[in-house]
Amino acid sequence: MNAGGRAHTFGLVPTHRPAHAFASRLMPTMKATTEMIHTTEALTILVVDDDALISMSTVDMLEDLGHRVLEASSGAQALKMLEAADRVDLVITDYSMPGMNGAELAEGIRLIRHDLPVLVATGYSDLPPGSGMDLPRLGKPYSQEQLSREIANLVPSRV
């Protein structure tokens, strides 16, 4: 409110630039995003996270990138799904989950499919001592571009 008791209102004042001037500045970003989405062959990815909202967000990003996605809400469920699945090209798992953490899940996966890449998504900058984690990590929160880049690094033969 100003001194006279009236509320201030704000608006955008149009500039003298034509609309295409702004669009041309956005095009490289839009082109890069489009290229990012279509650079990898469709993979089958198993997402493991006990947080339904994070899992849903990750699944949406992966599907937007053109991948097929399987979901598990626990390490035990993920191992059962992995044993039953015809094809899984990559596992993306949360680190901190009840019952079985991401490092323990990775160990279980190695017993079933020793060559299957595992990406651990974690909000921890440092993992606890003795976590036994010598796996690629993706810091939370992450963008679709970061996710796409990590997938390309882990499954390069599909790029």
N, C-alpha and C. Protein backbone atom coordinates (compact mmCIF):
# COMPACT_ATOMS: atom_id res chain seq x y z
N MET A 1 0.84 -1.18 0.00
CA MET A 1 0.00 0.00 0.00
C MET A 1 0.88 1.23 0.00
N ASN A 2 0.40 2.24 -0.71
CA ASN A 2 1.15 3.50 -0.69
C ASN A 2 0.66 4.36 0.45
N ALA A 3 1.23 5.55 0.57
CA ALA A 3 0.90 6.42 1.70
C ALA A 3 -0.57 6.82 1.72
N GLY A 4 -1.23 6.85 0.58
CA GLY A 4 -2.64 7.22 0.51
C GLY A 4 -3.57 6.07 0.78
N GLY A 5 -3.05 4.89 1.14
CA GLY A 5 -3.89 3.74 1.45
C GLY A 5 -4.30 2.93 0.22
N ARG A 6 -3.76 3.24 -0.92
CA ARG A 6 -4.08 2.50 -2.14
C ARG A 6 -3.04 1.40 -2.38
N ALA A 7 -3.50 0.30 -2.90
CA ALA A 7 -2.60 -0.80 -3.20
C ALA A 7 -1.84 -0.48 -4.48
N HIS A 8 -0.59 -0.90 -4.50
CA HIS A 8 0.21 -0.75 -5.71
C HIS A 8 -0.12 -1.91 -6.65
N THR A 9 -0.14 -1.63 -7.93
CA THR A 9 -0.28 -2.70 -8.91
C THR A 9 0.92 -2.63 -9.84
N PHE A 10 1.36 -3.77 -10.27
CA PHE A 10 2.51 -3.84 -11.15
C PHE A 10 2.10 -4.60 -12.39
N GLY A 11 2.67 -4.21 -13.50
CA GLY A 11 2.40 -4.91 -14.75
C GLY A 11 3.66 -4.96 -15.58
N LEU A 12 3.64 -5.76 -16.60
CA LEU A 12 4.77 -5.85 -17.51
C LEU A 12 4.57 -4.83 -18.61
N VAL A 13 5.59 -4.07 -18.87
CA VAL A 13 5.53 -3.08 -19.94
C VAL A 13 6.19 -3.70 -21.15
N PRO A 14 5.44 -3.80 -22.27
CA PRO A 14 6.05 -4.42 -23.46
C PRO A 14 7.21 -3.58 -23.98
N THR A 15 8.21 -4.27 -24.48
CA THR A 15 9.35 -3.57 -25.06
C THR A 15 9.08 -3.34 -26.54
N HIS A 16 9.98 -2.66 -27.18
CA HIS A 16 9.83 -2.38 -28.60
C HIS A 16 10.28 -3.55 -29.48
N ARG A 17 10.76 -4.62 -28.89
CA ARG A 17 11.24 -5.76 -29.67
C ARG A 17 10.08 -6.61 -30.16
N PRO A 18 10.15 -7.09 -31.38
CA PRO A 18 9.09 -7.98 -31.88
C PRO A 18 9.18 -9.34 -31.20
N ALA A 19 8.07 -10.07 -31.20
CA ALA A 19 8.00 -11.37 -30.52
C ALA A 19 9.04 -12.35 -31.04
N HIS A 20 9.33 -12.32 -32.36
CA HIS A 20 10.28 -13.29 -32.89
C HIS A 20 11.68 -13.09 -32.33
N ALA A 21 12.00 -11.88 -31.83
CA ALA A 21 13.32 -11.65 -31.23
C ALA A 21 13.47 -12.48 -29.96
N PHE A 22 12.41 -12.60 -29.19
CA PHE A 22 12.45 -13.42 -27.97
C PHE A 22 12.44 -14.91 -28.33
N ALA A 23 11.63 -15.28 -29.31
CA ALA A 23 11.54 -16.69 -29.71
C ALA A 23 12.88 -17.19 -30.22
N SER A 24 13.60 -16.35 -30.98
CA SER A 24 14.88 -16.80 -31.52
C SER A 24 15.89 -17.04 -30.41
N ARG A 25 15.77 -16.32 -29.30
CA ARG A 25 16.67 -16.56 -28.17
C ARG A 25 16.32 -17.85 -27.45
N LEU A 26 15.07 -18.28 -27.52
CA LEU A 26 14.66 -19.51 -26.86
C LEU A 26 14.91 -20.75 -27.70
N MET A 27 14.97 -20.62 -28.98
CA MET A 27 15.09 -21.76 -29.88
C MET A 27 16.28 -22.66 -29.59
N PRO A 28 17.50 -22.11 -29.35
CA PRO A 28 18.60 -23.03 -29.04
C PRO A 28 18.30 -23.90 -27.83
N THR A 29 17.67 -23.35 -26.80
CA THR A 29 17.34 -24.12 -25.60
C THR A 29 16.33 -25.20 -25.95
N MET A 30 15.32 -24.83 -26.72
CA MET A 30 14.30 -25.81 -27.10
C MET A 30 14.91 -26.90 -27.97
N LYS A 31 15.80 -26.55 -28.89
CA LYS A 31 16.44 -27.52 -29.75
C LYS A 31 17.31 -28.47 -28.94
N ALA A 32 18.08 -27.93 -27.99
CA ALA A 32 18.94 -28.78 -27.15
C ALA A 32 18.11 -29.76 -26.34
N THR A 33 16.96 -29.30 -25.82
CA THR A 33 16.08 -30.17 -25.05
C THR A 33 15.54 -31.28 -25.93
N THR A 34 15.11 -30.93 -27.14
CA THR A 34 14.57 -31.93 -28.06
C THR A 34 15.63 -32.96 -28.41
N GLU A 35 16.85 -32.50 -28.68
CA GLU A 35 17.92 -33.44 -29.00
C GLU A 35 18.23 -34.35 -27.81
N MET A 36 18.21 -33.80 -26.60
CA MET A 36 18.48 -34.59 -25.40
C MET A 36 17.46 -35.72 -25.28
N ILE A 37 16.21 -35.42 -25.59
CA ILE A 37 15.16 -36.41 -25.41
C ILE A 37 15.28 -37.56 -26.40
N HIS A 38 15.88 -37.31 -27.56
CA HIS A 38 15.89 -38.33 -28.60
C HIS A 38 17.27 -38.91 -28.90
N THR A 39 18.23 -38.76 -28.00
CA THR A 39 19.57 -39.26 -28.29
C THR A 39 19.80 -40.70 -27.84
N THR A 40 18.96 -41.24 -27.04
CA THR A 40 19.19 -42.59 -26.55
C THR A 40 18.13 -43.54 -27.08
N GLU A 41 18.56 -44.73 -27.40
CA GLU A 41 17.61 -45.77 -27.78
C GLU A 41 16.74 -46.08 -26.57
N ALA A 42 15.51 -46.48 -26.83
CA ALA A 42 14.61 -46.81 -25.71
C ALA A 42 15.18 -47.96 -24.89
N LEU A 43 15.29 -47.72 -23.60
CA LEU A 43 15.78 -48.72 -22.66
C LEU A 43 14.63 -49.17 -21.77
N THR A 44 14.81 -50.30 -21.13
CA THR A 44 13.90 -50.71 -20.06
C THR A 44 14.64 -50.44 -18.76
N ILE A 45 14.05 -49.54 -17.96
CA ILE A 45 14.72 -49.08 -16.74
C ILE A 45 13.85 -49.40 -15.54
N LEU A 46 14.47 -50.01 -14.54
CA LEU A 46 13.79 -50.32 -13.28
C LEU A 46 14.11 -49.19 -12.30
N VAL A 47 13.06 -48.49 -11.85
CA VAL A 47 13.20 -47.40 -10.88
C VAL A 47 12.79 -47.93 -9.52
N VAL A 48 13.66 -47.73 -8.52
CA VAL A 48 13.40 -48.22 -7.17
C VAL A 48 13.46 -47.05 -6.20
N ASP A 49 12.32 -46.71 -5.61
CA ASP A 49 12.28 -45.63 -4.62
C ASP A 49 11.08 -45.85 -3.73
N ASP A 50 11.28 -45.69 -2.43
CA ASP A 50 10.17 -45.87 -1.50
C ASP A 50 9.29 -44.62 -1.40
N ASP A 51 9.73 -43.51 -1.96
CA ASP A 51 8.94 -42.28 -1.97
C ASP A 51 8.15 -42.22 -3.27
N ALA A 52 6.83 -42.35 -3.19
CA ALA A 52 5.98 -42.43 -4.37
C ALA A 52 6.08 -41.19 -5.25
N LEU A 53 6.19 -40.01 -4.65
CA LEU A 53 6.26 -38.79 -5.45
C LEU A 53 7.57 -38.70 -6.23
N ILE A 54 8.66 -39.07 -5.61
CA ILE A 54 9.95 -39.06 -6.32
C ILE A 54 9.95 -40.10 -7.42
N SER A 55 9.43 -41.27 -7.11
CA SER A 55 9.35 -42.33 -8.11
C SER A 55 8.52 -41.88 -9.30
N MET A 56 7.37 -41.27 -9.03
CA MET A 56 6.48 -40.82 -10.10
C MET A 56 7.17 -39.76 -10.96
N SER A 57 7.89 -38.85 -10.34
CA SER A 57 8.61 -37.82 -11.08
C SER A 57 9.70 -38.43 -11.97
N THR A 58 10.44 -39.36 -11.42
CA THR A 58 11.50 -40.03 -12.19
C THR A 58 10.91 -40.81 -13.35
N VAL A 59 9.84 -41.53 -13.10
CA VAL A 59 9.18 -42.30 -14.15
C VAL A 59 8.71 -41.37 -15.27
N ASP A 60 8.11 -40.25 -14.90
CA ASP A 60 7.64 -39.29 -15.91
C ASP A 60 8.80 -38.78 -16.76
N MET A 61 9.92 -38.43 -16.13
CA MET A 61 11.08 -37.95 -16.88
C MET A 61 11.60 -39.02 -17.84
N LEU A 62 11.69 -40.24 -17.34
CA LEU A 62 12.21 -41.34 -18.16
C LEU A 62 11.29 -41.65 -19.33
N GLU A 63 9.99 -41.65 -19.08
CA GLU A 63 9.04 -41.90 -20.16
C GLU A 63 9.09 -40.78 -21.19
N ASP A 64 9.25 -39.53 -20.73
CA ASP A 64 9.41 -38.41 -21.66
C ASP A 64 10.65 -38.58 -22.53
N LEU A 65 11.67 -39.24 -21.99
CA LEU A 65 12.88 -39.51 -22.75
C LEU A 65 12.72 -40.70 -23.69
N GLY A 66 11.57 -41.36 -23.63
CA GLY A 66 11.29 -42.46 -24.54
C GLY A 66 11.58 -43.85 -23.99
N HIS A 67 11.86 -43.96 -22.71
CA HIS A 67 12.20 -45.26 -22.12
C HIS A 67 10.97 -45.98 -21.57
N ARG A 68 11.06 -47.30 -21.48
CA ARG A 68 10.05 -48.10 -20.80
C ARG A 68 10.49 -48.22 -19.35
N VAL A 69 9.54 -48.08 -18.43
CA VAL A 69 9.91 -48.02 -17.02
C VAL A 69 9.13 -49.03 -16.20
N LEU A 70 9.85 -49.73 -15.34
CA LEU A 70 9.26 -50.61 -14.33
C LEU A 70 9.50 -49.92 -13.00
N GLU A 71 8.55 -50.04 -12.08
CA GLU A 71 8.68 -49.40 -10.76
C GLU A 71 8.64 -50.41 -9.64
N ALA A 72 9.49 -50.17 -8.65
CA ALA A 72 9.47 -50.96 -7.42
C ALA A 72 9.59 -49.99 -6.26
N SER A 73 8.90 -50.30 -5.16
CA SER A 73 8.93 -49.40 -4.00
C SER A 73 9.87 -49.90 -2.89
N SER A 74 10.56 -51.01 -3.14
CA SER A 74 11.51 -51.52 -2.16
C SER A 74 12.58 -52.35 -2.86
N GLY A 75 13.68 -52.56 -2.17
CA GLY A 75 14.74 -53.39 -2.72
C GLY A 75 14.29 -54.82 -2.97
N ALA A 76 13.54 -55.38 -2.02
CA ALA A 76 13.07 -56.77 -2.17
C ALA A 76 12.15 -56.91 -3.38
N GLN A 77 11.25 -55.95 -3.55
CA GLN A 77 10.35 -55.98 -4.71
C GLN A 77 11.16 -55.84 -6.00
N ALA A 78 12.17 -55.00 -6.00
CA ALA A 78 13.00 -54.80 -7.19
C ALA A 78 13.71 -56.10 -7.59
N LEU A 79 14.25 -56.82 -6.61
CA LEU A 79 14.93 -58.08 -6.92
C LEU A 79 13.98 -59.11 -7.51
N LYS A 80 12.76 -59.18 -6.98
CA LYS A 80 11.76 -60.11 -7.54
C LYS A 80 11.40 -59.72 -8.97
N MET A 81 11.23 -58.43 -9.21
CA MET A 81 10.89 -57.95 -10.55
C MET A 81 12.03 -58.22 -11.52
N LEU A 82 13.25 -58.04 -11.06
CA LEU A 82 14.41 -58.26 -11.90
C LEU A 82 14.54 -59.73 -12.30
N GLU A 83 14.26 -60.62 -11.36
CA GLU A 83 14.31 -62.05 -11.66
C GLU A 83 13.24 -62.45 -12.67
N ALA A 84 12.08 -61.79 -12.64
CA ALA A 84 10.97 -62.15 -13.52
C ALA A 84 10.99 -61.42 -14.86
N ALA A 85 11.69 -60.32 -14.94
CA ALA A 85 11.66 -59.49 -16.16
C ALA A 85 12.46 -60.11 -17.29
N ASP A 86 11.93 -59.98 -18.50
CA ASP A 86 12.65 -60.44 -19.68
C ASP A 86 13.84 -59.54 -19.99
N ARG A 87 13.62 -58.25 -19.79
CA ARG A 87 14.67 -57.29 -20.14
C ARG A 87 14.67 -56.12 -19.17
N VAL A 88 15.84 -55.82 -18.62
CA VAL A 88 16.09 -54.60 -17.86
C VAL A 88 17.50 -54.17 -18.26
N ASP A 89 17.61 -52.91 -18.70
CA ASP A 89 18.89 -52.39 -19.17
C ASP A 89 19.63 -51.57 -18.12
N LEU A 90 18.89 -51.07 -17.14
CA LEU A 90 19.47 -50.18 -16.13
C LEU A 90 18.56 -50.15 -14.91
N VAL A 91 19.17 -50.02 -13.74
CA VAL A 91 18.41 -49.83 -12.50
C VAL A 91 18.80 -48.48 -11.94
N ILE A 92 17.79 -47.68 -11.60
CA ILE A 92 18.01 -46.40 -10.91
C ILE A 92 17.35 -46.55 -9.55
N THR A 93 18.15 -46.46 -8.50
CA THR A 93 17.62 -46.70 -7.16
C THR A 93 17.96 -45.56 -6.20
N ASP A 94 17.05 -45.35 -5.28
CA ASP A 94 17.31 -44.45 -4.16
C ASP A 94 18.33 -45.14 -3.26
N TYR A 95 19.10 -44.34 -2.51
CA TYR A 95 20.03 -44.96 -1.58
C TYR A 95 19.35 -45.29 -0.26
N SER A 96 18.65 -44.32 0.30
CA SER A 96 18.09 -44.47 1.64
C SER A 96 16.67 -45.01 1.58
N MET A 97 16.54 -46.32 1.81
CA MET A 97 15.22 -46.96 1.83
C MET A 97 15.17 -47.91 3.01
N PRO A 98 13.98 -48.09 3.58
CA PRO A 98 13.87 -49.03 4.71
C PRO A 98 14.06 -50.47 4.25
N GLY A 99 14.66 -51.27 5.09
CA GLY A 99 14.81 -52.69 4.80
C GLY A 99 16.06 -53.03 4.00
N MET A 100 16.29 -52.31 2.92
CA MET A 100 17.44 -52.57 2.06
C MET A 100 17.82 -51.26 1.39
N ASN A 101 19.04 -50.77 1.66
CA ASN A 101 19.43 -49.52 1.01
C ASN A 101 19.92 -49.77 -0.42
N GLY A 102 20.23 -48.70 -1.12
CA GLY A 102 20.63 -48.82 -2.51
C GLY A 102 21.89 -49.64 -2.73
N ALA A 103 22.86 -49.52 -1.81
CA ALA A 103 24.10 -50.29 -1.93
C ALA A 103 23.82 -51.79 -1.74
N GLU A 104 22.97 -52.11 -0.79
CA GLU A 104 22.60 -53.52 -0.56
C GLU A 104 21.82 -54.06 -1.75
N LEU A 105 20.96 -53.25 -2.31
CA LEU A 105 20.22 -53.66 -3.51
C LEU A 105 21.19 -53.94 -4.65
N ALA A 106 22.17 -53.06 -4.84
CA ALA A 106 23.15 -53.25 -5.91
C ALA A 106 23.90 -54.57 -5.74
N GLU A 107 24.22 -54.92 -4.49
CA GLU A 107 24.88 -56.21 -4.23
C GLU A 107 23.98 -57.37 -4.64
N GLY A 108 22.68 -57.27 -4.30
CA GLY A 108 21.73 -58.31 -4.70
C GLY A 108 21.58 -58.41 -6.20
N ILE A 109 21.59 -57.27 -6.86
CA ILE A 109 21.50 -57.25 -8.33
C ILE A 109 22.70 -57.93 -8.95
N ARG A 110 23.88 -57.70 -8.39
CA ARG A 110 25.12 -58.32 -8.91
C ARG A 110 25.05 -59.85 -8.87
N LEU A 111 24.32 -60.39 -7.90
CA LEU A 111 24.17 -61.85 -7.82
C LEU A 111 23.27 -62.39 -8.92
N ILE A 112 22.33 -61.57 -9.36
CA ILE A 112 21.38 -61.99 -10.41
C ILE A 112 21.91 -61.65 -11.80
N ARG A 113 22.37 -60.42 -11.96
CA ARG A 113 22.87 -59.93 -13.25
C ARG A 113 24.10 -59.07 -12.99
N HIS A 114 25.27 -59.68 -13.00
CA HIS A 114 26.51 -58.97 -12.64
C HIS A 114 26.85 -57.81 -13.57
N ASP A 115 26.32 -57.81 -14.80
CA ASP A 115 26.66 -56.78 -15.78
C ASP A 115 25.64 -55.65 -15.87
N LEU A 116 24.60 -55.68 -15.06
CA LEU A 116 23.53 -54.68 -15.13
C LEU A 116 23.98 -53.38 -14.45
N PRO A 117 23.97 -52.26 -15.19
CA PRO A 117 24.36 -50.98 -14.56
C PRO A 117 23.34 -50.54 -13.51
N VAL A 118 23.86 -49.98 -12.42
CA VAL A 118 23.03 -49.47 -11.32
C VAL A 118 23.44 -48.02 -11.06
N LEU A 119 22.47 -47.13 -11.07
CA LEU A 119 22.68 -45.72 -10.76
C LEU A 119 21.97 -45.42 -9.45
N VAL A 120 22.71 -44.87 -8.50
CA VAL A 120 22.14 -44.56 -7.19
C VAL A 120 21.81 -43.07 -7.14
N ALA A 121 20.55 -42.76 -6.90
CA ALA A 121 20.11 -41.38 -6.74
C ALA A 121 20.03 -41.10 -5.25
N THR A 122 20.73 -40.06 -4.82
CA THR A 122 20.77 -39.77 -3.39
C THR A 122 20.88 -38.28 -3.11
N GLY A 123 20.28 -37.89 -2.02
CA GLY A 123 20.40 -36.52 -1.56
C GLY A 123 21.58 -36.33 -0.64
N TYR A 124 22.27 -37.41 -0.29
CA TYR A 124 23.43 -37.34 0.60
C TYR A 124 24.66 -36.92 -0.19
N SER A 125 25.36 -35.90 0.29
CA SER A 125 26.61 -35.52 -0.38
C SER A 125 27.70 -36.53 -0.02
N ASP A 126 27.68 -37.01 1.22
CA ASP A 126 28.62 -38.05 1.66
C ASP A 126 27.80 -39.20 2.22
N LEU A 127 28.13 -40.39 1.79
CA LEU A 127 27.44 -41.56 2.32
C LEU A 127 28.14 -42.03 3.59
N PRO A 128 27.41 -42.72 4.44
CA PRO A 128 28.00 -43.19 5.70
C PRO A 128 29.21 -44.08 5.47
N PRO A 129 30.20 -44.02 6.37
CA PRO A 129 31.36 -44.91 6.26
C PRO A 129 30.90 -46.37 6.25
N GLY A 130 31.57 -47.16 5.42
CA GLY A 130 31.23 -48.57 5.35
C GLY A 130 30.00 -48.84 4.49
N SER A 131 29.56 -47.86 3.73
CA SER A 131 28.37 -48.07 2.90
C SER A 131 28.67 -49.01 1.74
N GLY A 132 29.96 -49.19 1.43
CA GLY A 132 30.33 -50.10 0.36
C GLY A 132 29.89 -49.61 -1.00
N MET A 133 29.74 -48.30 -1.15
CA MET A 133 29.20 -47.75 -2.38
C MET A 133 30.30 -47.31 -3.33
N ASP A 134 30.54 -48.12 -4.32
CA ASP A 134 31.42 -47.73 -5.41
C ASP A 134 30.59 -47.79 -6.69
N LEU A 135 29.51 -47.00 -6.68
CA LEU A 135 28.55 -47.00 -7.78
C LEU A 135 28.37 -45.58 -8.29
N PRO A 136 27.99 -45.44 -9.55
CA PRO A 136 27.70 -44.09 -10.04
C PRO A 136 26.54 -43.48 -9.26
N ARG A 137 26.66 -42.17 -8.99
CA ARG A 137 25.63 -41.47 -8.21
C ARG A 137 25.06 -40.30 -8.98
N LEU A 138 23.80 -40.06 -8.71
CA LEU A 138 23.09 -38.90 -9.24
C LEU A 138 22.52 -38.16 -8.05
N GLY A 139 22.94 -36.91 -7.87
CA GLY A 139 22.50 -36.13 -6.72
C GLY A 139 21.07 -35.66 -6.87
N LYS A 140 20.32 -35.80 -5.79
CA LYS A 140 18.95 -35.28 -5.75
C LYS A 140 18.97 -33.85 -5.25
N PRO A 141 18.14 -33.01 -5.75
CA PRO A 141 17.23 -33.22 -6.88
C PRO A 141 18.00 -33.16 -8.19
N TYR A 142 17.46 -33.79 -9.22
CA TYR A 142 18.12 -33.81 -10.51
C TYR A 142 17.12 -33.43 -11.60
N SER A 143 17.69 -32.95 -12.69
CA SER A 143 16.87 -32.55 -13.83
C SER A 143 16.79 -33.68 -14.84
N GLN A 144 15.91 -33.52 -15.80
CA GLN A 144 15.79 -34.51 -16.86
C GLN A 144 17.08 -34.57 -17.68
N GLU A 145 17.71 -33.42 -17.87
CA GLU A 145 18.97 -33.39 -18.62
C GLU A 145 20.07 -34.15 -17.88
N GLN A 146 20.16 -33.96 -16.57
CA GLN A 146 21.16 -34.68 -15.78
C GLN A 146 20.89 -36.18 -15.82
N LEU A 147 19.64 -36.55 -15.72
CA LEU A 147 19.25 -37.95 -15.77
C LEU A 147 19.62 -38.55 -17.13
N SER A 148 19.31 -37.84 -18.20
CA SER A 148 19.62 -38.29 -19.55
C SER A 148 21.13 -38.47 -19.74
N ARG A 149 21.91 -37.53 -19.23
CA ARG A 149 23.36 -37.59 -19.36
C ARG A 149 23.92 -38.81 -18.62
N GLU A 150 23.42 -39.07 -17.41
CA GLU A 150 23.91 -40.23 -16.65
C GLU A 150 23.55 -41.54 -17.34
N ILE A 151 22.36 -41.60 -17.91
CA ILE A 151 21.96 -42.81 -18.64
C ILE A 151 22.90 -43.04 -19.83
N ALA A 152 23.19 -41.98 -20.57
CA ALA A 152 24.10 -42.09 -21.72
C ALA A 152 25.49 -42.54 -21.27
N ASN A 153 25.94 -42.08 -20.11
CA ASN A 153 27.25 -42.50 -19.60
C ASN A 153 27.28 -43.97 -19.19
N LEU A 154 26.17 -44.44 -18.62
CA LEU A 154 26.12 -45.82 -18.12
C LEU A 154 25.80 -46.85 -19.19
N VAL A 155 25.08 -46.44 -20.21
CA VAL A 155 24.68 -47.36 -21.26
C VAL A 155 25.10 -46.76 -22.61
N PRO A 156 26.41 -46.56 -22.81
CA PRO A 156 26.87 -45.86 -24.00
C PRO A 156 26.60 -46.57 -25.31
N SER A 157 26.49 -47.88 -25.28
CA SER A 157 26.26 -48.62 -26.53
C SER A 157 24.86 -48.36 -27.09
N ARG A 158 24.00 -47.77 -26.30
CA ARG A 158 22.64 -47.48 -26.75
C ARG A 158 22.47 -46.06 -27.26
N VAL A 159 23.56 -45.26 -27.23
CA VAL A 159 23.46 -43.87 -27.66
C VAL A 159 23.69 -43.79 -29.14
